[in-house]
Amino acid sequence: MRKACIFDLDGTLLDRSGSIPAFLKRQHERFYEHLGHIPFDSYKEQFIHLDQRGYVWKDVVYQQLLEHFQVNDIDAETLLDDYVENFHLDCQAFTGVVDTLQQLRSNGIALGMITNGRTQFQLKNLRAIGIEAFFQTILISEQEGMAKPAKEIFEKALSLLQVRAEEAIYVGDHPVNDVQAARAIGMKGIWKRDEYWPVPAETDGIIDHIPDLLAHFVK
């Protein structure tokens, strides 16, 4: 019997593909004095290329971005600070996320989250899309001192939710850090399809939209 569902955040519940362009548009406008000579589409596309779906931290991204466009009158730290302080203002959840979480909770499913990233940054994003209160446990890699795909962070989430691995489903967009890692400790691993990543070699299911997950709890 499935008693718990544990989620990844970025690319799974939080729509980074929609949030990043919205944030970059406002950042480009805020620093127009320094960035205005760069066409916005070029600025956006280069950021997304360097960001690698969030797997490159933004101090590196901004340094490389400024070097690429040969910008010398603003530093990477200023843009990084702006990202840390303001990204949450443009965060968007995928369609159906809130309703799906509500339905799972209403049906007695314990909810958890495991996400890699900086603690305060990720918490602000969670709160911005209005889903923090749904989760009984939230593990963020910086705070925990360990990160996916380490089995220990999955085991801690299961322990806090008081369920066995075989009673839990894990949902994420990364084929290794999410799906493979969860399956390695006995959880069911559901892949939230993302065309950026290859299809996992082994998975317990593939969903295109978060509401599709509900079918896995009525079997």
Protein backbone atom coordinates (compact mmCIF):
# COMPACT_ATOMS: atom_id res chain seq x y z
CA MET A 1 0.00 0.00 0.00
CA ARG A 2 1.35 3.41 -0.94
CA LYS A 3 1.38 5.70 2.03
CA ALA A 4 3.71 8.56 1.00
CA CYS A 5 4.77 10.62 -1.96
CA ILE A 6 8.06 12.50 -1.96
CA PHE A 7 8.81 15.16 -4.56
CA ASP A 8 11.71 16.95 -6.13
CA LEU A 9 11.15 20.71 -6.49
CA ASP A 10 12.83 22.32 -9.51
CA GLY A 11 11.51 21.01 -12.80
CA THR A 12 8.98 18.83 -10.99
CA LEU A 13 6.67 21.12 -9.02
CA LEU A 14 8.35 24.45 -9.77
CA ASP A 15 8.33 25.35 -13.45
CA ARG A 16 11.86 26.69 -13.93
CA SER A 17 11.37 26.88 -17.70
CA GLY A 18 8.65 29.44 -17.15
CA SER A 19 10.08 31.12 -14.06
CA ILE A 20 13.61 31.79 -15.34
CA PRO A 21 12.61 33.85 -18.42
CA ALA A 22 10.15 35.90 -16.34
CA PHE A 23 12.84 36.65 -13.76
CA LEU A 24 15.50 37.43 -16.37
CA LYS A 25 13.18 39.88 -18.11
CA ARG A 26 12.82 41.92 -14.91
CA GLN A 27 16.52 41.62 -14.09
CA HIS A 28 17.43 42.89 -17.54
CA GLU A 29 15.11 45.85 -16.95
CA ARG A 30 16.43 46.52 -13.42
CA PHE A 31 20.00 46.71 -14.69
CA TYR A 32 19.22 48.23 -18.07
CA GLU A 33 21.95 50.84 -17.62
CA HIS A 34 24.51 48.02 -17.70
CA LEU A 35 22.72 45.36 -19.74
CA GLY A 36 20.55 47.34 -22.11
CA HIS A 37 22.95 47.03 -25.03
CA ILE A 38 22.45 43.23 -24.91
CA PRO A 39 19.22 42.11 -26.65
CA PHE A 40 17.04 40.47 -24.03
CA ASP A 41 16.62 37.25 -26.01
CA SER A 42 20.41 36.89 -26.24
CA TYR A 43 20.79 37.54 -22.51
CA LYS A 44 18.10 34.97 -21.71
CA GLU A 45 19.38 32.29 -24.06
CA GLN A 46 22.96 32.58 -22.82
CA PHE A 47 21.89 32.41 -19.17
CA ILE A 48 19.78 29.30 -19.82
CA HIS A 49 22.67 27.69 -21.70
CA LEU A 50 25.12 28.33 -18.87
CA ASP A 51 22.64 27.43 -16.13
CA GLN A 52 22.25 23.82 -17.31
CA ARG A 53 18.83 23.38 -15.74
CA GLY A 54 20.03 24.80 -12.42
CA TYR A 55 22.97 22.44 -12.01
CA VAL A 56 25.50 25.28 -12.25
CA TRP A 57 25.36 27.73 -9.34
CA LYS A 58 24.72 31.30 -10.36
CA ASP A 59 28.02 32.82 -9.24
CA VAL A 60 29.62 30.84 -12.07
CA VAL A 61 26.75 31.54 -14.47
CA TYR A 62 26.89 35.30 -14.00
CA GLN A 63 30.66 35.47 -14.21
CA GLN A 64 30.61 33.59 -17.51
CA LEU A 65 27.63 35.60 -18.73
CA LEU A 66 29.40 38.93 -18.19
CA GLU A 67 32.56 37.61 -19.80
CA HIS A 68 30.61 36.38 -22.82
CA PHE A 69 28.99 39.78 -23.38
CA GLN A 70 32.17 41.68 -22.34
CA VAL A 71 30.36 43.65 -19.65
CA ASN A 72 32.78 45.45 -17.32
CA ASP A 73 30.67 48.04 -15.49
CA ILE A 74 28.76 45.63 -13.26
CA ASP A 75 30.03 42.59 -11.38
CA ALA A 76 28.70 39.06 -11.11
CA GLU A 77 28.10 39.40 -7.37
CA THR A 78 25.59 42.20 -7.94
CA LEU A 79 23.58 40.10 -10.36
CA LEU A 80 23.86 37.05 -8.11
CA ASP A 81 22.52 39.04 -5.15
CA ASP A 82 19.62 40.17 -7.31
CA TYR A 83 18.90 36.55 -8.26
CA VAL A 84 18.97 35.36 -4.66
CA GLU A 85 16.77 38.21 -3.44
CA ASN A 86 14.25 38.38 -6.26
CA PHE A 87 13.94 35.08 -8.14
CA HIS A 88 11.07 33.93 -5.93
CA LEU A 89 8.97 36.87 -7.13
CA ASP A 90 8.71 35.23 -10.55
CA CYS A 91 8.39 31.60 -9.44
CA GLN A 92 5.61 29.62 -11.08
CA ALA A 93 4.26 26.19 -10.22
CA PHE A 94 3.29 23.77 -12.95
CA THR A 95 -0.41 23.60 -13.73
CA GLY A 96 -2.33 21.40 -11.33
CA VAL A 97 0.32 21.19 -8.61
CA VAL A 98 -1.77 22.67 -5.77
CA ASP A 99 -4.88 20.65 -6.61
CA THR A 100 -2.84 17.43 -6.83
CA LEU A 101 -1.15 18.02 -3.48
CA GLN A 102 -4.54 18.77 -1.92
CA GLN A 103 -6.02 15.55 -3.28
CA LEU A 104 -3.11 13.46 -2.06
CA ARG A 105 -3.32 14.94 1.43
CA SER A 106 -7.09 14.51 1.47
CA ASN A 107 -6.58 10.82 0.73
CA GLY A 108 -4.20 10.38 3.65
CA ILE A 109 -0.96 10.35 1.64
CA ALA A 110 2.00 11.74 3.58
CA LEU A 111 3.95 14.28 1.53
CA GLY A 112 7.66 15.02 1.60
CA MET A 113 10.22 16.87 -0.46
CA ILE A 114 13.90 16.37 -1.18
CA THR A 115 15.60 19.11 -3.15
CA ASN A 116 19.18 20.06 -3.81
CA GLY A 117 20.03 23.73 -3.38
CA ARG A 118 20.57 26.56 -0.94
CA THR A 119 18.25 26.44 2.05
CA GLN A 120 16.78 29.95 2.25
CA PHE A 121 16.62 30.28 -1.52
CA GLN A 122 14.58 27.10 -1.92
CA LEU A 123 12.32 27.92 1.03
CA LYS A 124 11.48 31.31 -0.48
CA ASN A 125 10.60 29.61 -3.76
CA LEU A 126 8.37 27.07 -2.02
CA ARG A 127 6.53 29.81 -0.18
CA ALA A 128 6.19 31.89 -3.33
CA ILE A 129 4.27 29.15 -5.13
CA GLY A 130 2.19 28.46 -2.03
CA ILE A 131 2.94 24.80 -1.39
CA GLU A 132 5.16 24.68 1.72
CA ALA A 133 2.30 23.84 4.09
CA PHE A 134 1.41 20.65 2.23
CA PHE A 135 4.63 18.89 3.23
CA GLN A 136 5.28 17.06 6.45
CA THR A 137 9.00 17.07 5.80
CA ILE A 138 11.23 19.17 3.53
CA LEU A 139 14.88 18.23 3.14
CA ILE A 140 17.18 20.72 1.39
CA SER A 141 20.70 19.60 0.58
CA GLU A 142 22.56 22.58 2.06
CA GLN A 143 20.67 22.29 5.34
CA GLU A 144 21.10 18.51 5.50
CA GLY A 145 24.78 18.43 4.56
CA MET A 146 24.06 15.81 1.90
CA ALA A 147 22.51 15.87 -1.52
CA LYS A 148 20.74 13.67 -4.03
CA PRO A 149 21.57 11.07 -5.25
CA ALA A 150 23.02 10.03 -1.85
CA LYS A 151 20.82 7.30 -0.38
CA GLU A 152 21.05 8.84 3.10
CA ILE A 153 18.89 11.83 2.23
CA PHE A 154 16.15 9.55 0.87
CA GLU A 155 16.39 7.33 3.93
CA LYS A 156 16.04 10.33 6.22
CA ALA A 157 12.89 11.46 4.43
CA LEU A 158 11.36 8.00 4.78
CA SER A 159 12.25 7.90 8.46
CA LEU A 160 10.69 11.30 9.13
CA LEU A 161 7.51 10.29 7.30
CA GLN A 162 7.52 6.96 9.17
CA VAL A 163 7.08 4.83 6.06
CA ARG A 164 9.06 2.02 4.47
CA ALA A 165 10.68 2.48 1.08
CA GLU A 166 8.21 0.13 -0.62
CA GLU A 167 5.33 2.24 0.70
CA ALA A 168 6.57 5.44 -0.96
CA ILE A 169 6.71 6.96 -4.42
CA TYR A 170 9.34 9.49 -5.41
CA VAL A 171 8.66 11.95 -8.25
CA GLY A 172 11.36 13.93 -10.02
CA ASP A 173 12.63 15.13 -13.38
CA HIS A 174 16.26 13.97 -13.18
CA PRO A 175 16.76 10.38 -14.37
CA VAL A 176 19.71 9.69 -12.02
CA ASN A 177 19.43 12.02 -9.02
CA ASP A 178 15.70 11.40 -8.69
CA VAL A 179 14.43 8.23 -10.36
CA GLN A 180 17.47 5.98 -10.19
CA ALA A 181 18.41 7.10 -6.67
CA ALA A 182 14.91 6.49 -5.32
CA ARG A 183 14.61 3.08 -6.94
CA ALA A 184 18.03 2.08 -5.57
CA ILE A 185 16.67 2.09 -2.01
CA GLY A 186 13.40 0.38 -2.86
CA MET A 187 11.07 3.28 -3.54
CA LYS A 188 9.02 3.54 -6.70
CA GLY A 189 10.57 6.16 -8.95
CA ILE A 190 8.27 8.20 -11.20
CA TRP A 191 9.83 10.36 -13.87
CA LYS A 192 8.29 13.79 -14.53
CA ARG A 193 9.17 14.05 -18.19
CA ASP A 194 11.67 16.76 -19.14
CA GLU A 195 12.95 16.73 -22.70
CA TYR A 196 16.29 18.15 -21.50
CA TRP A 197 17.13 14.81 -19.85
CA PRO A 198 17.28 11.34 -21.40
CA VAL A 199 14.52 8.89 -20.54
CA PRO A 200 15.58 6.87 -17.47
CA ALA A 201 16.81 3.37 -18.22
CA GLU A 202 14.40 2.02 -15.60
CA THR A 203 11.37 3.72 -14.09
CA ASP A 204 8.12 2.80 -12.40
CA GLY A 205 6.19 5.27 -14.47
CA ILE A 206 6.42 8.40 -16.58
CA ILE A 207 4.12 11.40 -16.21
CA ASP A 208 3.88 14.50 -18.36
CA HIS A 209 1.87 16.55 -15.87
CA ILE A 210 1.70 16.42 -12.08
CA PRO A 211 -2.05 15.56 -11.97
CA ASP A 212 -1.18 12.36 -13.90
CA LEU A 213 0.46 11.17 -10.68
CA LEU A 214 -2.93 10.54 -9.04
CA ALA A 215 -3.42 7.41 -11.14
CA HIS A 216 -0.52 5.79 -9.29
CA PHE A 217 -2.44 6.05 -6.00
CA VAL A 218 -5.65 4.37 -7.12
CA LYS A 219 -4.12 1.09 -8.28
